[in-house]
PDB file of N, CA and C in Angstrom:
ATOM      1  N   MET A   1     123.495 -56.207 -11.286  1.00  0.00           N
ATOM      2  CA  MET A   1     124.532 -55.478 -11.190  1.00  0.00           C
ATOM      3  C   MET A   1     124.506 -54.247 -12.097  1.00  0.00           C
ATOM      4  N   ARG A   2     124.568 -53.131 -11.661  1.00  0.00           N
ATOM      5  CA  ARG A   2     124.750 -51.982 -12.490  1.00  0.00           C
ATOM      6  C   ARG A   2     125.775 -51.200 -12.449  1.00  0.00           C
ATOM      7  N   CYS A   3     126.102 -50.631 -13.340  1.00  0.00           N
ATOM      8  CA  CYS A   3     127.439 -49.539 -13.313  1.00  0.00           C
ATOM      9  C   CYS A   3     127.226 -48.696 -12.441  1.00  0.00           C
ATOM     10  N   PRO A   4     128.246 -48.282 -11.271  1.00  0.00           N
ATOM     11  CA  PRO A   4     127.975 -47.047 -10.621  1.00  0.00           C
ATOM     12  C   PRO A   4     128.257 -45.690 -11.199  1.00  0.00           C
ATOM     13  N   ASN A   5     128.804 -45.871 -12.410  1.00  0.00           N
ATOM     14  CA  ASN A   5     128.978 -44.816 -13.275  1.00  0.00           C
ATOM     15  C   ASN A   5     127.851 -44.197 -13.860  1.00  0.00           C
ATOM     16  N   CYS A   6     127.333 -45.036 -14.801  1.00  0.00           N
ATOM     17  CA  CYS A   6     126.668 -44.824 -15.997  1.00  0.00           C
ATOM     18  C   CYS A   6     125.034 -45.331 -15.824  1.00  0.00           C
ATOM     19  N   ASN A   7     125.272 -46.047 -14.617  1.00  0.00           N
ATOM     20  CA  ASN A   7     123.945 -46.859 -14.512  1.00  0.00           C
ATOM     21  C   ASN A   7     123.466 -47.817 -15.369  1.00  0.00           C
ATOM     22  N   SER A   8     124.494 -48.276 -16.107  1.00  0.00           N
ATOM     23  CA  SER A   8     124.259 -49.257 -17.150  1.00  0.00           C
ATOM     24  C   SER A   8     123.986 -50.910 -16.835  1.00  0.00           C
ATOM     25  N   LYS A   9     123.353 -51.300 -17.281  1.00  0.00           N
ATOM     26  CA  LYS A   9     123.358 -53.116 -17.191  1.00  0.00           C
ATOM     27  C   LYS A   9     124.244 -53.659 -18.191  1.00  0.00           C
ATOM     28  N   ASP A  10     124.947 -53.029 -18.985  1.00  0.00           N
ATOM     29  CA  ASP A  10     125.569 -53.826 -20.059  1.00  0.00           C
ATOM     30  C   ASP A  10     127.132 -54.041 -19.403  1.00  0.00           C
ATOM     31  N   ILE A  11     127.003 -54.959 -17.986  1.00  0.00           N
ATOM     32  CA  ILE A  11     128.381 -55.367 -17.634  1.00  0.00           C
ATOM     33  C   ILE A  11     128.864 -56.825 -18.053  1.00  0.00           C
ATOM     34  N   GLY A  12     130.226 -56.788 -18.410  1.00  0.00           N
ATOM     35  CA  GLY A  12     130.615 -58.102 -18.765  1.00  0.00           C
ATOM     36  C   GLY A  12     131.655 -58.599 -18.004  1.00  0.00           C
ATOM     37  N   LYS A  13     131.705 -60.129 -17.468  1.00  0.00           N
ATOM     38  CA  LYS A  13     132.599 -60.752 -16.712  1.00  0.00           C
ATOM     39  C   LYS A  13     134.062 -60.596 -17.514  1.00  0.00           C
ATOM     40  N   ILE A  14     134.965 -60.373 -16.948  1.00  0.00           N
ATOM     41  CA  ILE A  14     136.242 -60.456 -17.158  1.00  0.00           C
ATOM     42  C   ILE A  14     137.404 -61.223 -16.585  1.00  0.00           C
ATOM     43  N   GLY A  15     136.791 -61.715 -15.100  1.00  0.00           N
ATOM     44  CA  GLY A  15     137.369 -62.462 -14.354  1.00  0.00           C
ATOM     45  C   GLY A  15     136.696 -62.817 -13.140  1.00  0.00           C
ATOM     46  N   ALA A  16     137.410 -63.873 -12.095  1.00  0.00           N
ATOM     47  CA  ALA A  16     136.598 -64.351 -11.145  1.00  0.00           C
ATOM     48  C   ALA A  16     135.995 -63.198 -10.027  1.00  0.00           C
ATOM     49  N   GLN A  17     136.243 -61.989  -9.809  1.00  0.00           N
ATOM     50  CA  GLN A  17     135.828 -60.976  -9.803  1.00  0.00           C
ATOM     51  C   GLN A  17     135.972 -59.436 -10.207  1.00  0.00           C
ATOM     52  N   ASN A  18     136.099 -59.815 -11.792  1.00  0.00           N
ATOM     53  CA  ASN A  18     136.284 -58.297 -12.332  1.00  0.00           C
ATOM     54  C   ASN A  18     135.455 -58.454 -13.330  1.00  0.00           C
ATOM     55  N   PHE A  19     135.026 -56.852 -13.550  1.00  0.00           N
ATOM     56  CA  PHE A  19     133.841 -56.896 -14.515  1.00  0.00           C
ATOM     57  C   PHE A  19     134.021 -55.573 -15.107  1.00  0.00           C
ATOM     58  N   TYR A  20     133.374 -55.435 -16.410  1.00  0.00           N
ATOM     59  CA  TYR A  20     133.641 -54.221 -17.261  1.00  0.00           C
ATOM     60  C   TYR A  20     132.441 -53.680 -17.779  1.00  0.00           C
ATOM     61  N   CYS A  21     132.077 -52.562 -18.130  1.00  0.00           N
ATOM     62  CA  CYS A  21     130.795 -51.744 -18.233  1.00  0.00           C
ATOM     63  C   CYS A  21     131.501 -51.525 -20.051  1.00  0.00           C
ATOM     64  N   TRP A  22     130.415 -51.878 -20.603  1.00  0.00           N
ATOM     65  CA  TRP A  22     130.775 -51.772 -21.951  1.00  0.00           C
ATOM     66  C   TRP A  22     129.866 -50.103 -22.489  1.00  0.00           C
ATOM     67  N   SER A  23     129.332 -49.846 -21.583  1.00  0.00           N
ATOM     68  CA  SER A  23     128.564 -48.465 -22.191  1.00  0.00           C
ATOM     69  C   SER A  23     129.895 -47.028 -21.684  1.00  0.00           C
ATOM     70  N   CYS A  24     130.709 -47.335 -20.599  1.00  0.00           N
ATOM     71  CA  CYS A  24     131.181 -46.321 -19.814  1.00  0.00           C
ATOM     72  C   CYS A  24     132.773 -46.671 -20.043  1.00  0.00           C
ATOM     73  N   PHE A  25     133.026 -48.164 -20.192  1.00  0.00           N
ATOM     74  CA  PHE A  25     134.271 -48.495 -20.345  1.00  0.00           C
ATOM     75  C   PHE A  25     135.084 -48.624 -19.122  1.00  0.00           C
ATOM     76  N   ILE A  26     134.719 -49.022 -17.988  1.00  0.00           N
ATOM     77  CA  ILE A  26     135.355 -48.614 -16.842  1.00  0.00           C
ATOM     78  C   ILE A  26     135.479 -50.474 -16.185  1.00  0.00           C
ATOM     79  N   GLU A  27     136.234 -50.775 -15.345  1.00  0.00           N
ATOM     80  CA  GLU A  27     136.496 -52.202 -14.828  1.00  0.00           C
ATOM     81  C   GLU A  27     136.296 -51.912 -13.791  1.00  0.00           C
ATOM     82  N   MET A  28     135.459 -52.626 -12.799  1.00  0.00           N
ATOM     83  CA  MET A  28     135.165 -53.050 -11.369  1.00  0.00           C
ATOM     84  C   MET A  28     135.585 -54.082 -10.928  1.00  0.00           C
ATOM     85  N   THR A  29     135.948 -54.373  -9.647  1.00  0.00           N
ATOM     86  CA  THR A  29     136.695 -55.349  -8.838  1.00  0.00           C
ATOM     87  C   THR A  29     135.665 -55.377  -7.828  1.00  0.00           C
ATOM     88  N   VAL A  30     135.293 -56.546  -7.526  1.00  0.00           N
ATOM     89  CA  VAL A  30     134.673 -56.765  -5.930  1.00  0.00           C
ATOM     90  C   VAL A  30     135.379 -57.223  -4.861  1.00  0.00           C
ATOM     91  N   VAL A  31     135.491 -56.172  -3.859  1.00  0.00           N
ATOM     92  CA  VAL A  31     136.407 -56.788  -2.593  1.00  0.00           C
ATOM     93  C   VAL A  31     135.295 -56.480  -1.664  1.00  0.00           C
ATOM     94  N   ASN A  32     135.351 -57.603  -0.749  1.00  0.00           N
ATOM     95  CA  ASN A  32     134.412 -57.293   0.495  1.00  0.00           C
ATOM     96  C   ASN A  32     133.432 -57.137   0.262  1.00  0.00           C
ATOM     97  N   ASN A  33     132.528 -57.385  -0.689  1.00  0.00           N
ATOM     98  CA  ASN A  33     131.222 -56.767  -1.321  1.00  0.00           C
ATOM     99  C   ASN A  33     131.059 -55.478  -1.635  1.00  0.00           C
ATOM    100  N   GLU A  34     132.257 -54.670  -1.917  1.00  0.00           N
ATOM    101  CA  GLU A  34     132.023 -53.503  -2.406  1.00  0.00           C
ATOM    102  C   GLU A  34     132.933 -53.316  -3.728  1.00  0.00           C
ATOM    103  N   LEU A  35     132.652 -52.453  -4.546  1.00  0.00           N
ATOM    104  CA  LEU A  35     133.376 -52.464  -5.751  1.00  0.00           C
ATOM    105  C   LEU A  35     134.233 -51.226  -5.780  1.00  0.00           C
ATOM    106  N   ALA A  36     135.394 -51.968  -6.414  1.00  0.00           N
ATOM    107  CA  ALA A  36     136.861 -50.993  -6.798  1.00  0.00           C
ATOM    108  C   ALA A  36     136.562 -50.365  -8.406  1.00  0.00           C
ATOM    109  N   VAL A  37     136.509 -49.331  -8.201  1.00  0.00           N
ATOM    110  CA  VAL A  37     136.172 -48.596  -9.614  1.00  0.00           C
ATOM    111  C   VAL A  37     137.341 -48.050 -10.501  1.00  0.00           C
ATOM    112  N   HIS A  38     137.987 -48.715 -11.843  1.00  0.00           N
ATOM    113  CA  HIS A  38     139.086 -48.120 -12.335  1.00  0.00           C
ATOM    114  C   HIS A  38     138.534 -47.717 -13.598  1.00  0.00           C
ATOM    115  N   GLN A  39     139.460 -46.811 -14.182  1.00  0.00           N
ATOM    116  CA  GLN A  39     139.643 -46.494 -15.474  1.00  0.00           C
ATOM    117  C   GLN A  39     140.714 -47.256 -16.432  1.00  0.00           C
ATOM    118  N   ILE A  40     140.784 -47.426 -17.291  1.00  0.00           N
ATOM    119  CA  ILE A  40     141.543 -48.124 -18.151  1.00  0.00           C
ATOM    120  C   ILE A  40     142.500 -47.034 -18.846  1.00  0.00           C
ATOM    121  N   GLU A  41     143.606 -47.048 -18.758  1.00  0.00           N
ATOM    122  CA  GLU A  41     144.778 -45.945 -19.173  1.00  0.00           C
ATOM    123  C   GLU A  41     145.063 -46.353 -20.768  1.00  0.00           C
ATOM    124  N   ALA A  42     145.560 -45.762 -21.534  1.00  0.00           N
ATOM    125  CA  ALA A  42     146.287 -46.111 -22.666  1.00  0.00           C
ATOM    126  C   ALA A  42     147.071 -47.090 -22.637  1.00  0.00           C
ATOM    127  N   ASP A  43     147.961 -46.912 -21.784  1.00  0.00           N
ATOM    128  CA  ASP A  43     149.158 -47.978 -21.673  1.00  0.00           C
ATOM    129  C   ASP A  43     148.784 -49.093 -20.984  1.00  0.00           C
ATOM    130  N   GLY A  44     147.286 -49.551 -20.652  1.00  0.00           N
ATOM    131  CA  GLY A  44     146.733 -50.601 -20.264  1.00  0.00           C
ATOM    132  C   GLY A  44     146.892 -50.674 -18.719  1.00  0.00           C
ATOM    133  N   SER A  45     147.412 -49.419 -18.012  1.00  0.00           N
ATOM    134  CA  SER A  45     147.628 -49.687 -16.311  1.00  0.00           C
ATOM    135  C   SER A  45     146.183 -49.125 -15.685  1.00  0.00           C
ATOM    136  N   LEU A  46     145.579 -49.444 -14.730  1.00  0.00           N
ATOM    137  CA  LEU A  46     144.519 -48.665 -14.206  1.00  0.00           C
ATOM    138  C   LEU A  46     144.704 -47.531 -13.168  1.00  0.00           C
ATOM    139  N   SER A  47     143.544 -46.502 -13.344  1.00  0.00           N
ATOM    140  CA  SER A  47     143.497 -45.609 -12.406  1.00  0.00           C
ATOM    141  C   SER A  47     142.151 -45.775 -11.583  1.00  0.00           C
ATOM    142  N   SER A  48     142.387 -45.717 -10.286  1.00  0.00           N
ATOM    143  CA  SER A  48     141.221 -45.601  -9.351  1.00  0.00           C
ATOM    144  C   SER A  48     140.261 -44.463  -9.491  1.00  0.00           C
ATOM    145  N   LEU A  49     139.030 -44.922  -9.512  1.00  0.00           N
ATOM    146  CA  LEU A  49     138.029 -44.011  -9.685  1.00  0.00           C
ATOM    147  C   LEU A  49     137.113 -43.960  -8.370  1.00  0.00           C
ATOM    148  N   ASN A  50     137.581 -44.666  -7.243  1.00  0.00           N
ATOM    149  CA  ASN A  50     136.634 -44.887  -6.252  1.00  0.00           C
ATOM    150  C   ASN A  50     136.648 -43.243  -5.412  1.00  0.00           C
ATOM    151  N   ASP A  51     137.367 -42.627  -5.832  1.00  0.00           N
ATOM    152  CA  ASP A  51     137.084 -41.138  -5.036  1.00  0.00           C
ATOM    153  C   ASP A  51     135.786 -40.411  -5.581  1.00  0.00           C
ATOM    154  N   LEU A  52     135.210 -40.602  -6.172  1.00  0.00           N
ATOM    155  CA  LEU A  52     134.180 -40.245  -7.526  1.00  0.00           C
ATOM    156  C   LEU A  52     133.029 -40.430  -7.017  1.00  0.00           C
ATOM    157  N   PHE A  53     132.951 -41.648  -5.932  1.00  0.00           N
ATOM    158  CA  PHE A  53     131.887 -42.318  -5.796  1.00  0.00           C
ATOM    159  C   PHE A  53     131.645 -42.294  -4.077  1.00  0.00           C
ATOM    160  N   SER A  54     130.598 -42.397  -3.497  1.00  0.00           N
ATOM    161  CA  SER A  54     130.392 -42.443  -2.269  1.00  0.00           C
ATOM    162  C   SER A  54     130.212 -43.730  -1.668  1.00  0.00           C
ATOM    163  N   GLU A  55     130.488 -44.064  -0.637  1.00  0.00           N
ATOM    164  CA  GLU A  55     130.507 -45.682  -0.135  1.00  0.00           C
ATOM    165  C   GLU A  55     129.211 -46.417  -0.094  1.00  0.00           C
ATOM    166  N   GLU A  56     127.729 -45.673  -0.693  1.00  0.00           N
ATOM    167  CA  GLU A  56     126.710 -46.310  -0.561  1.00  0.00           C
ATOM    168  C   GLU A  56     127.037 -46.816  -2.126  1.00  0.00           C
ATOM    169  N   GLU A  57     127.229 -46.078  -2.670  1.00  0.00           N
ATOM    170  CA  GLU A  57     127.560 -46.087  -4.456  1.00  0.00           C
ATOM    171  C   GLU A  57     128.050 -47.488  -4.625  1.00  0.00           C
ATOM    172  N   LEU A  58     129.219 -47.515  -4.103  1.00  0.00           N
ATOM    173  CA  LEU A  58     130.215 -48.656  -3.959  1.00  0.00           C
ATOM    174  C   LEU A  58     130.076 -49.980  -3.434  1.00  0.00           C
ATOM    175  N   ARG A  59     128.867 -49.976  -2.713  1.00  0.00           N
ATOM    176  CA  ARG A  59     128.391 -51.130  -1.776  1.00  0.00           C
ATOM    177  C   ARG A  59     127.705 -51.887  -2.551  1.00  0.00           C
ATOM    178  N   LEU A  60     127.641 -53.555  -2.657  1.00  0.00           N
ATOM    179  CA  LEU A  60     126.765 -54.066  -3.514  1.00  0.00           C
ATOM    180  C   LEU A  60     125.430 -54.289  -2.364  1.00  0.00           C
ATOM    181  N   GLN A  61     124.402 -54.432  -3.161  1.00  0.00           N
ATOM    182  CA  GLN A  61     123.370 -54.873  -2.533  1.00  0.00           C
ATOM    183  C   GLN A  61     123.093 -56.172  -2.290  1.00  0.00           C
TER     184      GLN A  61
END
């Protein structure tokens, strides 16, 4: 798996379907073979970044 944001392979698993990119600090969740990408805010909440990526970029191979 590569990060759709920075293309890094430095991805850690933080839950059953949750991953974290250690290069650009975003969280990814696998839902129906597609990634949901989130930025972690200062208060710990998540903000969706899905609108920044095309469907092809978020689809798992």
